[in-house]
Amino acid sequence: MSSFTHFISLPLGIHPQLVDKLNEFKRSILTSNEYKAAGFRIDESIFAIPESLHLTVLMLELKGENIAKASSVLQSVSDKLMEALKNRPISIQLRGLACMKGSPDKAWVVYAPVLEVGEQGRLQQVCDIIIDAFTSSNLAPTSDEKRELKLHATVMNARFRKGYCPDASFDARKIFEKYAEHEWGEYLIPEIHLCQTRRFDESGHYYCCSSLPLPGNMQAERASE
């Protein structure tokens, strides 16, 4: 089991429209006879919980006082993030499907690729600022310092499977035939979260230890005051 205890997240499962689309995606597959053959090895357990959908910026191993330190580091980058975003909201588009490991016939992780709306590079700047801050604070794993960030939204993962075994891959070829170019929609990234792994709140989201609002969400908060 991974030693990571926390991660920096850009939450997406907070959008009801996306949750509905993911639930329909799962329902259409699980109720279709063409996926029920044993060779496909597709069952409900390998689908991501829609409310937990997110983009992972950085995995962390935190214990004791480092949890509070990580929260402080996240809050400390607020001004830099606002400058990088030019105080404007940032949104992403999810389009199609791809395999993280393996191939469609022996898939391990199936995800929705991420595109920044406007493609101005602001999303990458946000991630770089966060990673640099945690690296400078000696909270980021050394292995992540040179790793190329590949933002993705996982929708199916063989490691979620109940009774997981080393050969738990599944046949996703027919899924790719239908959903390879699927439009999942455009979504605002309203916050950055410091989340705890393997722990969920009562709504199905990963448990949030600390959050930092981004433009768009900040404007909504002011309007409600």
Protein backbone atom coordinates (compact mmCIF):
# COMPACT_ATOMS: atom_id res chain seq x y z
CA MET A 1 0.00 0.00 0.00
CA SER A 2 1.22 3.52 -0.79
CA SER A 3 2.77 5.54 2.04
CA PHE A 4 1.10 8.75 0.85
CA THR A 5 -1.32 10.17 3.39
CA HIS A 6 -2.45 13.41 1.74
CA PHE A 7 -2.55 15.13 -1.63
CA ILE A 8 -3.12 18.52 -3.21
CA SER A 9 -6.33 18.38 -5.21
CA LEU A 10 -8.27 20.45 -7.71
CA PRO A 11 -11.79 19.17 -6.93
CA LEU A 12 -14.20 18.42 -9.79
CA GLY A 13 -16.76 16.14 -8.14
CA ILE A 14 -18.37 19.20 -6.57
CA HIS A 15 -20.09 19.95 -9.90
CA PRO A 16 -23.53 18.24 -10.02
CA GLN A 17 -23.56 18.18 -13.84
CA LEU A 18 -20.31 16.21 -13.95
CA VAL A 19 -21.49 13.85 -11.20
CA ASP A 20 -24.63 13.15 -13.23
CA LYS A 21 -22.59 12.42 -16.36
CA LEU A 22 -20.29 10.04 -14.50
CA ASN A 23 -23.23 8.22 -12.95
CA GLU A 24 -24.80 7.85 -16.39
CA PHE A 25 -21.47 6.61 -17.79
CA LYS A 26 -21.31 3.92 -15.11
CA ARG A 27 -24.99 3.01 -15.46
CA SER A 28 -24.78 2.65 -19.25
CA ILE A 29 -21.84 0.26 -18.96
CA LEU A 30 -23.09 -1.85 -16.06
CA THR A 31 -26.57 -2.31 -17.57
CA SER A 32 -25.35 -3.15 -21.08
CA ASN A 33 -25.23 -6.84 -21.96
CA GLU A 34 -22.13 -6.38 -24.12
CA TYR A 35 -19.97 -5.72 -21.05
CA LYS A 36 -21.29 -8.58 -18.90
CA ALA A 37 -19.10 -11.34 -20.31
CA ALA A 38 -16.53 -12.58 -17.79
CA GLY A 39 -13.65 -11.65 -20.09
CA PHE A 40 -14.31 -7.94 -19.72
CA ARG A 41 -13.82 -8.05 -15.93
CA ILE A 42 -15.89 -4.91 -15.44
CA ASP A 43 -17.84 -4.44 -12.23
CA GLU A 44 -19.07 -1.50 -10.18
CA SER A 45 -16.07 -1.47 -7.85
CA ILE A 46 -13.60 -0.26 -10.50
CA PHE A 47 -15.50 2.97 -11.19
CA ALA A 48 -14.39 6.12 -9.39
CA ILE A 49 -16.88 7.66 -6.95
CA PRO A 50 -18.21 10.60 -9.01
CA GLU A 51 -18.17 12.99 -6.05
CA SER A 52 -14.49 12.19 -5.46
CA LEU A 53 -13.37 13.15 -8.99
CA HIS A 54 -10.41 15.53 -8.89
CA LEU A 55 -7.10 16.47 -10.46
CA THR A 56 -4.06 15.53 -8.37
CA VAL A 57 -1.34 18.18 -8.27
CA LEU A 58 0.96 16.60 -5.70
CA MET A 59 1.05 13.51 -3.47
CA LEU A 60 2.29 13.99 0.09
CA GLU A 61 3.39 11.90 3.06
CA LEU A 62 2.48 13.93 6.13
CA LYS A 63 2.61 13.07 9.82
CA GLY A 64 2.12 15.04 13.01
CA GLU A 65 2.94 18.73 12.79
CA ASN A 66 3.64 18.49 9.06
CA ILE A 67 -0.11 18.37 8.40
CA ALA A 68 -0.53 21.86 9.87
CA LYS A 69 2.64 22.97 8.08
CA ALA A 70 1.22 21.78 4.76
CA SER A 71 -1.96 23.76 5.39
CA SER A 72 0.12 26.88 6.07
CA VAL A 73 2.16 26.36 2.90
CA LEU A 74 -1.02 26.08 0.85
CA GLN A 75 -2.41 29.31 2.31
CA SER A 76 0.92 31.08 1.77
CA VAL A 77 0.76 30.83 -2.03
CA SER A 78 -2.56 32.69 -2.32
CA ASP A 79 -1.08 35.98 -3.56
CA LYS A 80 1.18 34.25 -6.11
CA LEU A 81 -1.76 32.25 -7.43
CA MET A 82 -3.96 35.33 -7.77
CA GLU A 83 -1.18 37.05 -9.71
CA ALA A 84 -0.66 34.04 -11.99
CA LEU A 85 -4.40 33.83 -12.64
CA LYS A 86 -4.66 37.62 -13.07
CA ASN A 87 -7.56 37.40 -10.61
CA ARG A 88 -9.64 35.64 -13.28
CA PRO A 89 -11.47 32.30 -12.90
CA ILE A 90 -9.91 29.24 -14.45
CA SER A 91 -11.86 26.41 -16.06
CA ILE A 92 -10.97 23.09 -17.61
CA GLN A 93 -12.56 20.88 -20.24
CA LEU A 94 -12.73 17.10 -19.99
CA ARG A 95 -12.80 15.37 -23.36
CA GLY A 96 -12.58 11.72 -24.37
CA LEU A 97 -10.85 8.84 -22.60
CA ALA A 98 -7.30 7.55 -22.42
CA CYS A 99 -5.32 4.79 -20.67
CA MET A 100 -2.75 5.67 -18.03
CA LYS A 101 -1.29 2.17 -17.93
CA GLY A 102 -1.65 -0.73 -20.31
CA SER A 103 -3.87 -0.57 -23.38
CA PRO A 104 -7.66 -0.64 -23.88
CA ASP A 105 -7.69 -4.45 -24.03
CA LYS A 106 -5.77 -4.69 -20.72
CA ALA A 107 -6.57 -1.41 -19.02
CA TRP A 108 -5.54 -0.46 -15.50
CA VAL A 109 -6.44 3.21 -15.31
CA VAL A 110 -8.92 4.92 -17.64
CA TYR A 111 -9.09 8.69 -17.36
CA ALA A 112 -10.57 11.79 -18.97
CA PRO A 113 -7.81 14.03 -20.40
CA VAL A 114 -7.76 17.65 -19.22
CA LEU A 115 -7.63 20.78 -21.37
CA GLU A 116 -7.40 24.28 -19.95
CA VAL A 117 -10.17 26.47 -21.35
CA GLY A 118 -8.38 29.24 -23.25
CA GLU A 119 -5.08 27.30 -23.21
CA GLN A 120 -3.14 30.22 -21.74
CA GLY A 121 -0.94 28.10 -19.51
CA ARG A 122 -2.39 29.50 -16.30
CA LEU A 123 -3.31 26.06 -14.97
CA GLN A 124 0.28 24.86 -15.32
CA GLN A 125 1.49 28.02 -13.58
CA VAL A 126 -0.85 27.32 -10.66
CA CYS A 127 0.46 23.77 -10.33
CA ASP A 128 4.10 24.89 -10.61
CA ILE A 129 3.63 27.48 -7.85
CA ILE A 130 2.12 24.86 -5.54
CA ILE A 131 4.76 22.22 -6.25
CA ASP A 132 7.60 24.74 -5.84
CA ALA A 133 6.21 25.90 -2.48
CA PHE A 134 5.91 22.37 -1.10
CA THR A 135 9.32 21.42 -2.46
CA SER A 136 10.94 24.48 -0.85
CA SER A 137 9.26 23.55 2.43
CA ASN A 138 10.67 20.00 2.24
CA LEU A 139 7.18 18.52 2.18
CA ALA A 140 7.17 17.22 -1.41
CA PRO A 141 8.55 13.73 -2.11
CA THR A 142 11.96 13.91 -3.78
CA SER A 143 10.71 11.71 -6.62
CA ASP A 144 8.12 14.37 -7.55
CA GLU A 145 10.66 17.17 -8.00
CA LYS A 146 11.52 16.14 -11.57
CA ARG A 147 8.33 14.32 -12.49
CA GLU A 148 6.35 15.79 -15.36
CA LEU A 149 2.86 16.66 -14.16
CA LYS A 150 0.08 14.99 -16.12
CA LEU A 151 -3.26 16.25 -14.88
CA HIS A 152 -6.03 13.72 -15.43
CA ALA A 153 -9.42 12.77 -14.04
CA THR A 154 -9.54 9.04 -13.25
CA VAL A 155 -12.92 7.45 -14.04
CA MET A 156 -11.97 3.75 -13.77
CA ASN A 157 -9.11 2.08 -11.91
CA ALA A 158 -8.41 -1.64 -11.57
CA ARG A 159 -6.87 -1.00 -8.16
CA PHE A 160 -10.30 -0.01 -6.86
CA ARG A 161 -11.46 -3.56 -7.50
CA LYS A 162 -12.72 -5.55 -4.54
CA GLY A 163 -10.53 -8.58 -4.04
CA TYR A 164 -7.70 -6.88 -5.94
CA CYS A 165 -5.11 -9.19 -7.48
CA PRO A 166 -1.93 -8.52 -9.54
CA ASP A 167 -3.75 -9.31 -12.80
CA ALA A 168 -6.79 -7.10 -12.21
CA SER A 169 -6.80 -5.30 -15.57
CA PHE A 170 -10.02 -5.05 -17.57
CA ASP A 171 -11.03 -4.98 -21.23
CA ALA A 172 -12.10 -1.41 -22.08
CA ARG A 173 -12.09 -1.66 -25.87
CA LYS A 174 -15.85 -1.33 -26.27
CA ILE A 175 -15.87 1.55 -23.79
CA PHE A 176 -13.31 3.37 -25.93
CA GLU A 177 -15.35 2.69 -29.06
CA LYS A 178 -18.25 4.59 -27.51
CA TYR A 179 -16.55 7.21 -25.33
CA ALA A 180 -13.19 7.92 -27.01
CA GLU A 181 -14.37 11.39 -28.08
CA HIS A 182 -16.97 11.95 -25.36
CA GLU A 183 -17.50 15.54 -24.22
CA TRP A 184 -17.71 15.61 -20.42
CA GLY A 185 -18.08 19.38 -20.27
CA GLU A 186 -16.33 22.50 -19.00
CA TYR A 187 -15.92 23.11 -15.27
CA LEU A 188 -14.67 25.89 -13.04
CA ILE A 189 -11.87 25.06 -10.62
CA PRO A 190 -13.14 26.94 -7.57
CA GLU A 191 -10.65 25.84 -4.92
CA ILE A 192 -7.46 24.02 -4.13
CA HIS A 193 -7.74 21.35 -1.45
CA LEU A 194 -5.32 19.59 0.86
CA CYS A 195 -7.03 16.20 1.12
CA GLN A 196 -6.51 13.04 3.10
CA THR A 197 -6.14 9.81 1.14
CA ARG A 198 -8.59 6.94 1.70
CA ARG A 199 -10.91 9.15 3.75
CA PHE A 200 -14.17 10.62 2.48
CA ASP A 201 -16.75 13.00 3.88
CA GLU A 202 -20.44 12.15 4.03
CA SER A 203 -20.97 13.60 0.53
CA GLY A 204 -18.42 11.26 -1.06
CA HIS A 205 -15.70 13.89 -1.52
CA TYR A 206 -12.18 13.27 -0.30
CA TYR A 207 -11.83 14.64 3.22
CA CYS A 208 -10.53 18.21 2.97
CA CYS A 209 -8.06 19.32 5.65
CA SER A 210 -7.53 22.81 4.22
CA SER A 211 -8.77 24.76 1.20
CA LEU A 212 -7.75 27.84 -0.74
CA PRO A 213 -10.41 29.66 -2.81
CA LEU A 214 -9.65 30.70 -6.39
CA PRO A 215 -11.16 33.52 -8.48
CA GLY A 216 -14.77 32.77 -9.32
CA ASN A 217 -15.39 31.05 -6.03
CA MET A 218 -14.08 34.12 -4.19
CA GLN A 219 -16.46 36.33 -6.17
CA ALA A 220 -19.37 34.04 -5.31
CA GLU A 221 -18.43 34.20 -1.63
CA ARG A 222 -18.40 38.01 -1.69
CA ALA A 223 -21.78 38.11 -3.45
CA SER A 224 -23.34 35.95 -0.73
CA GLU A 225 -22.07 38.13 2.11
